[in-house]
Amino acid sequence: MFDPTAFDNLKVVLEGAVYDLDLTGEISITGRRDLFNFASYERFYEIEFTVSGEESFTAVIELSADMKNFLAERQKGTNRIEAGAELEIRYTGAEELLENKEDLMSLWGSDKQWEWKSIHSSVTGVSVLGILTFQRLITETMVDDLLDIVSFTIDSLRTIKKS
């Protein structure tokens, strides 16, 4: 019998929450990747979506776990501190995303880390990437927080759209 890991359980919750919102028409899923790197024993799951009717800004929510996360679950005893997954949210869009940079940063709070990149393409012009990391491990006890993060990501996309 397959024993799901914390990563697997978090992935199912994340995927279900996002697909439910896609089914209701609130968002449109535009991409999904579920990868396993056998060389380094790393898992990556990401799901990309837009607010329905507004394709100029997208959000990607990514869960990732590495060997130490998986080994922490397999250890006997109470040292399961690293059992879980890392979470990252990426916002992509036109240059107007930079105009909303401060709004996004204040919406998510000052305890998060942001990285901003401008991509200058000779084919598609300028696009912007904002990467939000949480500086903590997401564990199975934080499932409700993960659901709130999905809702908040969608709310923040709507905020960008209105600006």
C-alpha atoms as a PDB file:
ATOM      1  CA  MET A   1       0.000   0.000   0.000  1.00  0.00           C
ATOM      2  CA  PHE A   2       1.252   3.470  -0.893  1.00  0.00           C
ATOM      3  CA  ASP A   3       1.886   5.694   2.117  1.00  0.00           C
ATOM      4  CA  PRO A   4       1.397   9.297   0.977  1.00  0.00           C
ATOM      5  CA  THR A   5       3.916  11.851   2.136  1.00  0.00           C
ATOM      6  CA  ALA A   6       3.143  15.285   3.542  1.00  0.00           C
ATOM      7  CA  PHE A   7       3.999  16.656   0.093  1.00  0.00           C
ATOM      8  CA  ASP A   8       1.436  14.348  -1.547  1.00  0.00           C
ATOM      9  CA  ASN A   9      -1.273  15.326   0.930  1.00  0.00           C
ATOM     10  CA  LEU A  10      -0.577  19.061   0.537  1.00  0.00           C
ATOM     11  CA  LYS A  11      -0.534  18.693  -3.251  1.00  0.00           C
ATOM     12  CA  VAL A  12      -3.960  17.010  -3.263  1.00  0.00           C
ATOM     13  CA  VAL A  13      -5.436  19.791  -1.112  1.00  0.00           C
ATOM     14  CA  LEU A  14      -3.869  22.546  -3.260  1.00  0.00           C
ATOM     15  CA  GLU A  15      -4.894  20.927  -6.528  1.00  0.00           C
ATOM     16  CA  GLY A  16      -8.451  20.305  -5.323  1.00  0.00           C
ATOM     17  CA  ALA A  17      -8.900  23.877  -4.103  1.00  0.00           C
ATOM     18  CA  VAL A  18      -7.675  25.393  -7.363  1.00  0.00           C
ATOM     19  CA  TYR A  19      -9.660  23.018  -9.577  1.00  0.00           C
ATOM     20  CA  ASP A  20     -12.835  23.711  -7.580  1.00  0.00           C
ATOM     21  CA  LEU A  21     -12.421  27.431  -8.311  1.00  0.00           C
ATOM     22  CA  ASP A  22     -11.786  26.650 -11.985  1.00  0.00           C
ATOM     23  CA  LEU A  23     -15.012  24.634 -12.116  1.00  0.00           C
ATOM     24  CA  THR A  24     -17.010  27.532 -10.652  1.00  0.00           C
ATOM     25  CA  GLY A  25     -15.523  29.898 -13.241  1.00  0.00           C
ATOM     26  CA  GLU A  26     -13.759  32.182 -10.770  1.00  0.00           C
ATOM     27  CA  ILE A  27     -10.377  31.375 -12.279  1.00  0.00           C
ATOM     28  CA  SER A  28      -8.984  29.675 -15.371  1.00  0.00           C
ATOM     29  CA  ILE A  29      -6.187  27.157 -14.987  1.00  0.00           C
ATOM     30  CA  THR A  30      -3.573  27.782 -17.664  1.00  0.00           C
ATOM     31  CA  GLY A  31      -0.877  25.280 -16.732  1.00  0.00           C
ATOM     32  CA  ARG A  32       0.126  22.501 -14.391  1.00  0.00           C
ATOM     33  CA  ARG A  33       3.359  20.602 -13.755  1.00  0.00           C
ATOM     34  CA  ASP A  34       3.966  17.648 -11.462  1.00  0.00           C
ATOM     35  CA  LEU A  35       7.629  16.609 -11.519  1.00  0.00           C
ATOM     36  CA  PHE A  36       9.836  14.152  -9.689  1.00  0.00           C
ATOM     37  CA  ASN A  37      13.623  14.431  -9.975  1.00  0.00           C
ATOM     38  CA  PHE A  38      14.932  10.925  -9.395  1.00  0.00           C
ATOM     39  CA  ALA A  39      18.577  12.057  -9.232  1.00  0.00           C
ATOM     40  CA  SER A  40      18.064  14.322  -6.220  1.00  0.00           C
ATOM     41  CA  TYR A  41      14.754  12.935  -4.912  1.00  0.00           C
ATOM     42  CA  GLU A  42      12.923  16.246  -5.264  1.00  0.00           C
ATOM     43  CA  ARG A  43       9.240  16.828  -5.994  1.00  0.00           C
ATOM     44  CA  PHE A  44       7.731  19.905  -7.625  1.00  0.00           C
ATOM     45  CA  TYR A  45       4.079  20.649  -8.189  1.00  0.00           C
ATOM     46  CA  GLU A  46       2.903  23.905  -9.677  1.00  0.00           C
ATOM     47  CA  ILE A  47      -0.419  25.127 -10.916  1.00  0.00           C
ATOM     48  CA  GLU A  48      -0.859  28.312 -12.946  1.00  0.00           C
ATOM     49  CA  PHE A  49      -4.066  30.292 -13.268  1.00  0.00           C
ATOM     50  CA  THR A  50      -5.606  33.641 -14.118  1.00  0.00           C
ATOM     51  CA  VAL A  51      -8.693  35.416 -12.870  1.00  0.00           C
ATOM     52  CA  SER A  52     -11.384  34.603 -15.422  1.00  0.00           C
ATOM     53  CA  GLY A  53     -11.610  37.214 -18.145  1.00  0.00           C
ATOM     54  CA  GLU A  54      -8.216  38.744 -17.351  1.00  0.00           C
ATOM     55  CA  GLU A  55      -5.259  36.980 -18.911  1.00  0.00           C
ATOM     56  CA  SER A  56      -2.690  39.780 -18.577  1.00  0.00           C
ATOM     57  CA  PHE A  57      -1.633  38.634 -15.080  1.00  0.00           C
ATOM     58  CA  THR A  58      -1.089  35.051 -13.952  1.00  0.00           C
ATOM     59  CA  ALA A  59      -0.260  33.403 -10.664  1.00  0.00           C
ATOM     60  CA  VAL A  60       1.633  30.165 -10.107  1.00  0.00           C
ATOM     61  CA  ILE A  61       1.543  28.348  -6.779  1.00  0.00           C
ATOM     62  CA  GLU A  62       4.415  25.896  -6.369  1.00  0.00           C
ATOM     63  CA  LEU A  63       4.987  23.238  -3.731  1.00  0.00           C
ATOM     64  CA  SER A  64       8.394  21.593  -3.543  1.00  0.00           C
ATOM     65  CA  ALA A  65      10.041  19.046  -1.275  1.00  0.00           C
ATOM     66  CA  ASP A  66      13.491  17.539  -1.257  1.00  0.00           C
ATOM     67  CA  MET A  67      15.190  14.501   0.224  1.00  0.00           C
ATOM     68  CA  LYS A  68      15.509  15.973   3.732  1.00  0.00           C
ATOM     69  CA  ASN A  69      11.745  16.595   3.823  1.00  0.00           C
ATOM     70  CA  PHE A  70      11.007  13.001   2.849  1.00  0.00           C
ATOM     71  CA  LEU A  71      13.596  11.553   5.230  1.00  0.00           C
ATOM     72  CA  ALA A  72      12.198  13.611   8.118  1.00  0.00           C
ATOM     73  CA  GLU A  73       8.876  11.808   7.668  1.00  0.00           C
ATOM     74  CA  ARG A  74      10.504   8.404   7.698  1.00  0.00           C
ATOM     75  CA  GLN A  75      12.464   8.990  10.895  1.00  0.00           C
ATOM     76  CA  LYS A  76      11.148   7.267  13.949  1.00  0.00           C
ATOM     77  CA  GLY A  77      10.498   9.441  16.974  1.00  0.00           C
ATOM     78  CA  THR A  78       9.628  13.091  17.198  1.00  0.00           C
ATOM     79  CA  ASN A  79      12.267  14.716  14.962  1.00  0.00           C
ATOM     80  CA  ARG A  80       9.891  15.422  12.084  1.00  0.00           C
ATOM     81  CA  ILE A  81      10.583  19.155  11.989  1.00  0.00           C
ATOM     82  CA  GLU A  82      11.397  19.159   8.268  1.00  0.00           C
ATOM     83  CA  ALA A  83       8.453  17.023   7.108  1.00  0.00           C
ATOM     84  CA  GLY A  84       6.479  19.172   4.703  1.00  0.00           C
ATOM     85  CA  ALA A  85       7.000  21.324   1.632  1.00  0.00           C
ATOM     86  CA  GLU A  86       8.242  24.739   0.579  1.00  0.00           C
ATOM     87  CA  LEU A  87       5.724  27.125  -0.951  1.00  0.00           C
ATOM     88  CA  GLU A  88       6.321  29.800  -3.569  1.00  0.00           C
ATOM     89  CA  ILE A  89       3.906  32.055  -5.425  1.00  0.00           C
ATOM     90  CA  ARG A  90       4.880  33.736  -8.682  1.00  0.00           C
ATOM     91  CA  TYR A  91       3.017  36.587 -10.328  1.00  0.00           C
ATOM     92  CA  THR A  92       3.689  37.229 -14.001  1.00  0.00           C
ATOM     93  CA  GLY A  93       2.411  39.984 -16.221  1.00  0.00           C
ATOM     94  CA  ALA A  94       3.008  43.128 -18.181  1.00  0.00           C
ATOM     95  CA  GLU A  95       5.023  46.072 -16.904  1.00  0.00           C
ATOM     96  CA  GLU A  96       1.928  47.274 -15.016  1.00  0.00           C
ATOM     97  CA  LEU A  97       2.718  44.572 -12.474  1.00  0.00           C
ATOM     98  CA  LEU A  98       5.597  46.755 -11.244  1.00  0.00           C
ATOM     99  CA  GLU A  99       3.116  49.550 -10.629  1.00  0.00           C
ATOM    100  CA  ASN A 100       1.276  47.170  -8.275  1.00  0.00           C
ATOM    101  CA  LYS A 101       4.445  45.938  -6.574  1.00  0.00           C
ATOM    102  CA  GLU A 102       3.920  47.922  -3.358  1.00  0.00           C
ATOM    103  CA  ASP A 103       0.233  46.938  -3.186  1.00  0.00           C
ATOM    104  CA  LEU A 104       1.097  43.247  -3.485  1.00  0.00           C
ATOM    105  CA  MET A 105       3.855  43.491  -0.914  1.00  0.00           C
ATOM    106  CA  SER A 106       1.615  45.247   1.602  1.00  0.00           C
ATOM    107  CA  LEU A 107      -1.281  42.830   0.976  1.00  0.00           C
ATOM    108  CA  TRP A 108       0.902  39.825   1.798  1.00  0.00           C
ATOM    109  CA  GLY A 109       2.621  41.444   4.788  1.00  0.00           C
ATOM    110  CA  SER A 110       6.178  42.356   5.649  1.00  0.00           C
ATOM    111  CA  ASP A 111       7.209  38.910   6.914  1.00  0.00           C
ATOM    112  CA  LYS A 112       7.434  37.516   3.357  1.00  0.00           C
ATOM    113  CA  GLN A 113      10.369  37.715   0.964  1.00  0.00           C
ATOM    114  CA  TRP A 114       9.892  39.108  -2.548  1.00  0.00           C
ATOM    115  CA  GLU A 115      12.111  38.994  -5.606  1.00  0.00           C
ATOM    116  CA  TRP A 116      11.271  41.086  -8.663  1.00  0.00           C
ATOM    117  CA  LYS A 117      12.534  40.458 -12.191  1.00  0.00           C
ATOM    118  CA  SER A 118      11.981  42.335 -15.433  1.00  0.00           C
ATOM    119  CA  ILE A 119      12.283  40.234 -18.560  1.00  0.00           C
ATOM    120  CA  HIS A 120      13.095  42.122 -21.754  1.00  0.00           C
ATOM    121  CA  SER A 121      12.281  40.020 -24.808  1.00  0.00           C
ATOM    122  CA  SER A 122      12.843  41.039 -28.411  1.00  0.00           C
ATOM    123  CA  VAL A 123       9.765  38.978 -29.312  1.00  0.00           C
ATOM    124  CA  THR A 124       7.171  39.633 -26.587  1.00  0.00           C
ATOM    125  CA  GLY A 125       8.385  42.891 -25.056  1.00  0.00           C
ATOM    126  CA  VAL A 126       8.781  43.487 -21.346  1.00  0.00           C
ATOM    127  CA  SER A 127       7.216  41.250 -18.738  1.00  0.00           C
ATOM    128  CA  VAL A 128       7.582  41.218 -14.970  1.00  0.00           C
ATOM    129  CA  LEU A 129       7.932  38.349 -12.526  1.00  0.00           C
ATOM    130  CA  GLY A 130       7.283  38.747  -8.802  1.00  0.00           C
ATOM    131  CA  ILE A 131       8.350  35.794  -6.657  1.00  0.00           C
ATOM    132  CA  LEU A 132       6.927  35.460  -3.138  1.00  0.00           C
ATOM    133  CA  THR A 133       8.464  33.018  -0.660  1.00  0.00           C
ATOM    134  CA  PHE A 134       7.244  32.301   2.845  1.00  0.00           C
ATOM    135  CA  GLN A 135      10.490  31.557   4.709  1.00  0.00           C
ATOM    136  CA  ARG A 136       8.962  28.560   6.476  1.00  0.00           C
ATOM    137  CA  LEU A 137       8.009  24.983   5.806  1.00  0.00           C
ATOM    138  CA  ILE A 138       4.364  24.196   5.106  1.00  0.00           C
ATOM    139  CA  THR A 139       3.275  21.109   7.041  1.00  0.00           C
ATOM    140  CA  GLU A 140       0.142  18.986   7.064  1.00  0.00           C
ATOM    141  CA  THR A 141      -1.087  20.849  10.142  1.00  0.00           C
ATOM    142  CA  MET A 142      -1.291  23.998   7.978  1.00  0.00           C
ATOM    143  CA  VAL A 143      -3.845  22.724   5.456  1.00  0.00           C
ATOM    144  CA  ASP A 144      -6.296  25.498   6.357  1.00  0.00           C
ATOM    145  CA  ASP A 145      -3.520  28.059   5.829  1.00  0.00           C
ATOM    146  CA  LEU A 146      -2.864  26.567   2.382  1.00  0.00           C
ATOM    147  CA  LEU A 147      -6.533  27.000   1.465  1.00  0.00           C
ATOM    148  CA  ASP A 148      -6.397  30.605   2.691  1.00  0.00           C
ATOM    149  CA  ILE A 149      -3.274  31.185   0.569  1.00  0.00           C
ATOM    150  CA  VAL A 150      -5.133  30.006  -2.545  1.00  0.00           C
ATOM    151  CA  SER A 151      -7.981  32.442  -1.819  1.00  0.00           C
ATOM    152  CA  PHE A 152      -5.596  35.259  -1.025  1.00  0.00           C
ATOM    153  CA  THR A 153      -3.629  34.649  -4.233  1.00  0.00           C
ATOM    154  CA  ILE A 154      -6.829  35.010  -6.242  1.00  0.00           C
ATOM    155  CA  ASP A 155      -7.856  38.123  -4.290  1.00  0.00           C
ATOM    156  CA  SER A 156      -4.456  39.670  -4.963  1.00  0.00           C
ATOM    157  CA  LEU A 157      -4.804  38.926  -8.699  1.00  0.00           C
ATOM    158  CA  ARG A 158      -8.147  40.736  -8.632  1.00  0.00           C
ATOM    159  CA  THR A 159      -6.481  43.674  -6.872  1.00  0.00           C
ATOM    160  CA  ILE A 160      -3.850  43.887  -9.626  1.00  0.00           C
ATOM    161  CA  LYS A 161      -6.578  43.710 -12.262  1.00  0.00           C
ATOM    162  CA  LYS A 162      -8.497  46.632 -10.728  1.00  0.00           C
ATOM    163  CA  SER A 163      -5.481  48.920 -10.502  1.00  0.00           C
END
